[in-house]
Protein backbone atom coordinates (compact mmCIF):
# COMPACT_ATOMS: atom_id res chain seq x y z
CA MET A 1 -19.75 37.71 5.89
CA ASP A 2 -17.70 34.78 5.04
CA ARG A 3 -14.72 34.26 7.24
CA LEU A 4 -12.39 32.06 5.23
CA THR A 5 -13.16 34.78 2.22
CA SER A 6 -12.25 37.70 4.76
CA MET A 7 -9.43 36.57 5.81
CA ARG A 8 -8.45 36.13 2.43
CA ILE A 9 -9.33 39.38 1.35
CA TYR A 10 -6.99 40.46 4.55
CA VAL A 11 -4.10 38.73 3.84
CA GLN A 12 -4.13 39.71 0.25
CA ALA A 13 -4.07 43.34 1.59
CA VAL A 14 -1.41 43.21 4.17
CA GLU A 15 0.63 41.41 1.29
CA LEU A 16 0.09 44.24 -1.10
CA GLY A 17 0.45 46.82 1.10
CA SER A 18 -3.00 48.48 0.52
CA PHE A 19 -7.01 47.71 0.26
CA SER A 20 -7.14 49.53 -3.54
CA ALA A 21 -3.96 47.17 -4.38
CA ALA A 22 -5.49 43.86 -2.77
CA ALA A 23 -9.56 45.33 -4.46
CA ALA A 24 -7.53 45.04 -7.96
CA ALA A 25 -6.20 41.40 -7.74
CA LEU A 26 -9.23 40.42 -6.67
CA ASP A 27 -11.67 42.48 -8.73
CA LEU A 28 -13.44 43.72 -5.82
CA SER A 29 -14.03 47.67 -4.85
CA PRO A 30 -11.65 48.89 -2.32
CA GLN A 31 -14.86 49.69 0.21
CA LEU A 32 -16.21 45.71 -0.35
CA VAL A 33 -12.33 45.10 1.09
CA GLY A 34 -12.60 47.31 3.53
CA LYS A 35 -15.56 46.12 5.07
CA HIS A 36 -14.39 42.37 4.89
CA VAL A 37 -11.52 43.71 7.15
CA GLN A 38 -13.56 45.43 9.66
CA ALA A 39 -16.27 42.31 9.74
CA LEU A 40 -12.70 40.16 10.85
CA GLU A 41 -12.24 43.12 13.36
CA GLN A 42 -15.65 43.11 14.78
CA HIS A 43 -15.36 39.41 15.12
CA LEU A 44 -12.17 39.46 16.78
CA GLY A 45 -12.89 42.37 18.58
CA VAL A 46 -9.43 44.08 17.91
CA ARG A 47 -7.84 46.34 15.47
CA LEU A 48 -5.96 44.29 12.78
CA LEU A 49 -4.62 47.15 10.76
CA ASN A 50 -3.73 51.04 11.74
CA ARG A 51 -4.99 52.89 8.62
CA THR A 52 -4.82 56.48 7.44
CA THR A 53 -5.79 57.83 4.07
CA ARG A 54 -1.96 57.13 2.98
CA ARG A 55 -0.58 54.15 4.45
CA GLN A 56 -1.25 51.03 6.50
CA GLY A 57 0.49 49.46 8.93
CA LEU A 58 -0.04 46.01 10.75
CA THR A 59 -0.89 45.68 14.76
CA ASP A 60 0.94 43.54 16.67
CA ILE A 61 -1.79 41.06 16.96
CA GLY A 62 -2.77 41.89 13.20
CA ARG A 63 1.04 40.23 12.15
CA ILE A 64 0.53 37.39 14.46
CA TYR A 65 -3.49 37.15 13.01
CA TYR A 66 -1.68 37.49 9.25
CA GLU A 67 0.46 34.44 9.92
CA ARG A 68 -1.77 32.01 11.27
CA ALA A 69 -4.37 33.01 8.37
CA LYS A 70 -2.29 32.07 5.74
CA ILE A 71 -1.33 28.64 7.01
CA ILE A 72 -5.17 28.26 7.73
CA LEU A 73 -5.60 29.36 4.10
CA ALA A 74 -2.89 27.08 2.60
CA GLU A 75 -4.59 24.02 4.63
CA VAL A 76 -7.86 24.61 3.01
CA ASP A 77 -6.04 25.40 -0.25
CA ALA A 78 -4.42 21.50 0.10
CA ALA A 79 -7.96 19.79 1.39
CA ASP A 80 -10.02 21.49 -1.41
CA SER A 81 -6.74 20.07 -3.71
CA LEU A 82 -7.14 16.89 -2.76
CA ALA A 83 -10.69 16.81 -3.27
CA ALA A 84 -10.67 17.48 -6.55
CA GLU A 85 -7.72 14.83 -6.85
CA SER A 86 -10.68 12.29 -5.91
CA ARG A 87 -12.89 13.36 -8.21
CA ALA A 88 -10.40 13.03 -11.17
CA VAL A 89 -10.47 10.39 -13.53
CA PRO A 90 -7.23 8.16 -12.74
CA ARG A 91 -5.07 8.22 -16.07
CA GLY A 92 -1.42 7.72 -17.11
CA ARG A 93 1.44 4.82 -16.23
CA LEU A 94 1.21 2.53 -13.49
CA ARG A 95 4.57 0.32 -12.97
CA VAL A 96 3.55 -2.19 -10.25
CA ASN A 97 5.98 -5.42 -8.82
CA ALA A 98 4.77 -8.49 -7.39
CA PRO A 99 6.00 -11.73 -6.81
CA VAL A 100 5.78 -14.63 -8.79
CA SER A 101 3.49 -16.80 -7.77
CA PHE A 102 0.96 -14.07 -6.24
CA GLY A 103 1.72 -12.16 -9.79
CA ILE A 104 0.80 -15.61 -11.71
CA HIS A 105 -2.02 -16.94 -10.35
CA LEU A 106 -3.71 -14.16 -8.32
CA LEU A 107 -3.10 -10.48 -9.16
CA ALA A 108 -2.78 -11.48 -13.12
CA ALA A 109 -6.16 -12.59 -12.86
CA ARG A 110 -8.08 -9.98 -11.41
CA LEU A 111 -6.14 -7.44 -13.03
CA PRO A 112 -8.34 -7.60 -16.00
CA VAL A 113 -11.25 -5.48 -13.14
CA TYR A 114 -8.98 -2.93 -12.65
CA MET A 115 -7.98 -2.56 -16.57
CA ARG A 116 -11.74 -2.66 -17.18
CA ARG A 117 -12.79 -0.03 -14.19
CA TYR A 118 -9.90 2.17 -15.45
CA PRO A 119 -9.61 2.32 -19.10
CA GLU A 120 -7.07 5.10 -18.96
CA VAL A 121 -4.67 3.49 -16.98
CA SER A 122 -1.78 2.28 -18.31
CA VAL A 123 0.01 -1.00 -16.03
CA ASP A 124 3.29 -2.92 -16.67
CA LEU A 125 3.43 -5.58 -14.13
CA THR A 126 6.70 -6.75 -13.06
CA LEU A 127 7.10 -10.46 -11.60
CA ALA A 128 10.17 -10.84 -9.59
CA ASN A 129 11.03 -13.03 -6.21
CA ARG A 130 14.01 -10.33 -5.36
CA ARG A 131 13.11 -7.61 -2.88
CA VAL A 132 12.89 -4.79 -5.13
CA ASP A 133 13.89 -1.18 -4.37
CA LEU A 134 10.46 0.55 -5.03
CA ILE A 135 11.84 4.42 -4.80
CA ASP A 136 15.53 3.23 -6.94
CA GLU A 137 13.42 1.49 -9.51
CA GLY A 138 10.70 3.81 -10.03
CA TYR A 139 7.49 1.74 -9.23
CA ASP A 140 4.83 3.07 -7.81
CA VAL A 141 3.29 0.32 -5.90
CA VAL A 142 5.52 -2.93 -4.61
CA PHE A 143 3.35 -6.11 -3.33
CA ARG A 144 5.64 -7.68 -0.83
CA ILE A 145 4.95 -11.03 1.26
CA GLY A 146 6.58 -11.32 4.97
CA GLU A 147 7.67 -9.10 7.66
CA LEU A 148 8.55 -5.59 6.75
CA ALA A 149 11.89 -3.90 7.21
CA ASP A 150 11.86 -0.43 5.16
CA SER A 151 10.71 2.40 7.13
CA ARG A 152 10.66 4.65 3.86
CA LEU A 153 7.46 3.58 2.62
CA MET A 154 4.01 3.55 3.21
CA ALA A 155 2.09 0.37 4.03
CA ARG A 156 -1.01 -1.19 3.41
CA ALA A 157 -2.04 -4.59 5.28
CA LEU A 158 -3.82 -7.64 2.47
CA ALA A 159 -4.92 -10.93 3.67
CA PRO A 160 -1.99 -12.74 4.94
CA TYR A 161 -0.12 -15.22 2.48
CA ARG A 162 -0.87 -19.06 3.14
CA LEU A 163 1.30 -22.07 2.70
CA ILE A 164 0.52 -25.52 2.76
CA LEU A 165 2.81 -28.35 3.09
CA CYS A 166 2.48 -31.63 0.05
CA ALA A 167 3.89 -33.99 -1.21
CA ALA A 168 3.37 -36.62 -4.38
CA PRO A 169 2.18 -40.23 -3.99
CA SER A 170 5.41 -41.26 -6.19
CA TYR A 171 7.77 -39.51 -3.04
CA LEU A 172 5.60 -41.30 -0.20
CA ASP A 173 5.21 -44.59 -1.09
CA SER A 174 9.38 -44.61 -1.20
CA HIS A 175 9.33 -42.59 2.53
CA PRO A 176 7.83 -42.77 5.80
CA LEU A 177 4.81 -40.71 5.81
CA PRO A 178 5.46 -37.87 8.61
CA THR A 179 3.59 -37.69 11.34
CA HIS A 180 5.36 -34.71 13.27
CA PRO A 181 7.15 -31.75 12.19
CA LEU A 182 10.06 -32.45 13.51
CA ASP A 183 10.02 -36.24 11.17
CA LEU A 184 11.09 -33.78 8.26
CA ARG A 185 14.84 -33.89 9.68
CA ASP A 186 14.69 -36.97 8.02
CA HIS A 187 13.26 -36.01 4.44
CA GLU A 188 14.56 -34.71 1.67
CA CYS A 189 13.14 -31.15 1.73
CA LEU A 190 12.46 -28.81 -1.18
CA LEU A 191 13.53 -25.44 -0.67
CA PHE A 192 13.04 -21.90 -1.68
CA PRO A 193 15.87 -19.63 -0.98
CA ASN A 194 16.39 -15.91 -0.01
CA THR A 195 13.53 -15.77 2.16
CA ALA A 196 13.23 -16.84 5.92
CA LEU A 197 11.41 -20.27 5.08
CA ARG A 198 15.16 -21.44 3.29
CA SER A 199 16.74 -23.13 6.32
CA ALA A 200 13.37 -23.44 8.85
CA TRP A 201 9.81 -24.14 8.45
CA PRO A 202 7.42 -23.59 11.44
CA PHE A 203 4.11 -25.00 12.57
CA VAL A 204 1.33 -25.00 14.97
CA GLY A 205 -0.09 -27.86 16.28
CA PRO A 206 -2.12 -29.02 19.25
CA ASP A 207 1.54 -29.08 21.52
CA GLY A 208 2.33 -25.52 20.23
CA SER A 209 4.90 -23.70 18.37
CA VAL A 210 7.70 -25.57 16.46
CA SER A 211 10.04 -24.93 14.29
CA VAL A 212 12.03 -27.63 12.62
CA PRO A 213 15.53 -27.57 10.31
CA VAL A 214 15.02 -28.47 7.04
CA ALA A 215 17.44 -29.34 4.61
CA GLY A 216 17.74 -30.38 1.00
CA ARG A 217 19.84 -31.08 -2.26
CA LEU A 218 17.29 -28.77 -5.02
CA SER A 219 16.35 -25.29 -4.05
CA ILE A 220 14.78 -23.45 -6.77
CA ASP A 221 13.58 -19.46 -6.62
CA SER A 222 9.80 -19.90 -8.07
CA GLY A 223 7.11 -21.56 -6.69
CA GLU A 224 6.12 -22.41 -10.11
CA ALA A 225 9.23 -24.69 -10.84
CA LEU A 226 9.27 -26.06 -7.26
CA GLN A 227 5.84 -27.33 -8.32
CA VAL A 228 7.14 -29.23 -10.61
CA ALA A 229 9.93 -31.10 -8.94
CA VAL A 230 7.38 -31.92 -5.84
CA LEU A 231 5.08 -33.27 -8.53
CA ALA A 232 8.13 -35.26 -10.02
CA GLY A 233 8.62 -36.43 -6.42
CA LEU A 234 11.84 -35.06 -5.82
CA GLY A 235 10.68 -34.23 -1.97
CA ILE A 236 8.33 -32.35 0.05
CA ALA A 237 7.31 -28.74 -0.50
CA LEU A 238 6.05 -25.98 1.74
CA GLN A 239 4.22 -24.07 -1.19
CA PRO A 240 1.73 -21.48 -1.48
CA VAL A 241 -2.18 -22.67 -1.07
CA GLU A 242 -3.24 -20.78 -4.43
CA VAL A 243 0.18 -22.62 -6.28
CA ALA A 244 -1.08 -25.89 -5.03
CA ARG A 245 -4.94 -25.84 -5.07
CA ALA A 246 -5.14 -27.76 -8.63
CA ASP A 247 -2.63 -30.52 -7.70
CA LEU A 248 -4.39 -31.11 -4.67
CA ALA A 249 -7.62 -31.41 -5.95
CA ALA A 250 -6.97 -33.55 -9.07
CA GLY A 251 -4.98 -35.99 -6.09
CA ARG A 252 -1.54 -35.66 -7.72
CA LEU A 253 -0.38 -33.67 -4.52
CA ARG A 254 -1.11 -34.92 -1.02
CA VAL A 255 -1.50 -32.79 2.57
CA LEU A 256 0.86 -33.46 5.25
CA LEU A 257 0.50 -33.26 8.55
CA PRO A 258 -2.96 -32.23 8.79
CA ASP A 259 -3.31 -31.51 12.12
CA TYR A 260 -0.38 -28.60 12.00
CA THR A 261 -0.51 -24.88 9.98
CA VAL A 262 2.20 -23.14 9.05
CA PRO A 263 1.32 -19.52 10.45
CA ALA A 264 0.95 -17.45 7.27
CA ARG A 265 3.03 -14.52 5.72
CA PRO A 266 2.45 -10.81 6.19
CA MET A 267 1.43 -9.48 2.68
CA HIS A 268 1.43 -5.75 2.20
CA VAL A 269 1.17 -3.35 -1.27
CA LEU A 270 3.72 -0.48 -0.60
CA TYR A 271 3.91 2.70 -2.44
CA ALA A 272 6.45 5.95 -1.67
CA PRO A 273 5.28 8.25 1.27
CA ASP A 274 3.71 11.20 -0.67
CA HIS A 275 1.25 13.96 0.72
CA ARG A 276 -0.78 13.95 -2.57
CA VAL A 277 -1.58 10.12 -3.65
CA THR A 278 -2.36 10.50 -7.53
CA PRO A 279 -5.86 9.37 -8.53
CA LYS A 280 -4.07 6.19 -10.55
CA LEU A 281 -2.11 5.32 -7.59
CA ARG A 282 -5.26 6.15 -4.98
CA SER A 283 -7.28 3.77 -7.89
CA PHE A 284 -4.80 0.78 -7.85
CA LEU A 285 -4.34 0.92 -3.76
CA ASP A 286 -8.16 0.77 -3.24
CA PHE A 287 -8.21 -1.92 -5.47
CA ALA A 288 -5.63 -4.33 -4.20
CA ALA A 289 -7.62 -3.35 -0.77
CA ALA A 290 -10.94 -4.55 -2.06
CA GLU A 291 -9.41 -7.71 -3.86
CA PHE A 292 -6.82 -8.89 -1.20
CA GLY A 293 -7.74 -6.87 1.56
CA SER A 294 -6.82 -8.82 5.52
CA GLY A 295 -11.17 -9.03 6.07
CA ASP A 296 -11.61 -11.11 2.33
CA ASN A 297 -11.47 -15.17 1.96
CA TRP A 298 -9.45 -14.59 -1.25
CA MET A 299 -6.78 -17.22 -0.01
CA ASP A 300 -9.65 -19.93 0.29
CA GLY A 301 -10.33 -19.82 -3.93
């Protein structure tokens, strides 16, 4: 006999108080219920129930086995439920938040792939550079760039977010070309507030790592608006690769300090801790990992 089936029948017999009550609940004969319990006892080599024609009672080991069996059956049911959910069709509304530049240049461009693959999922995408509260603001998924600090959330690591130092030829025509990161202290730098890069820019080069204090008259909380400023020749900017790529290729911007790199910033997709991730959420997490995963080269265009 199947041991899990026998275990389930035994638990039912204990909880309902008799073989006949368990038989009625399970649509079995009392004789078959008895055979399952006897099979368990023979397998274990102990008596689980003391039975008479009028009543039944648990033995000491029978009581312990009953408590353990309930836990085992609950875990089996949870595993079955998880497997069933994985086969379910993702459907429903999914609320997603992402940083503006990443959302405009990368996520929005690849989101149609997800939408076509899962036609029963609706997506509400919000773009914001502030640090939203996933739980309090009711988001299902949040993309976050930078070091993680919120221990309440689950996270999947994605490919690091790359930045590049650039300026317009019009700015460089009237300012000396920087040859070392420390030269940036004498330049007008265009700043992005509310991040670790608002006052110092890190570099790695032939002489190791260096963090340079930077300053400037213009600070903008938007990579796209900052791009307009750098194209107008207002200063030097540290921009996301995908924002600057087209202007670099067209010669409207120049890469500065090519022998130095800016350490890539970590990026994650976050979601609330939950023992049962819904099919729609799982499908989007898998999509994000496939499109922007740490092993991919999506930042290279």
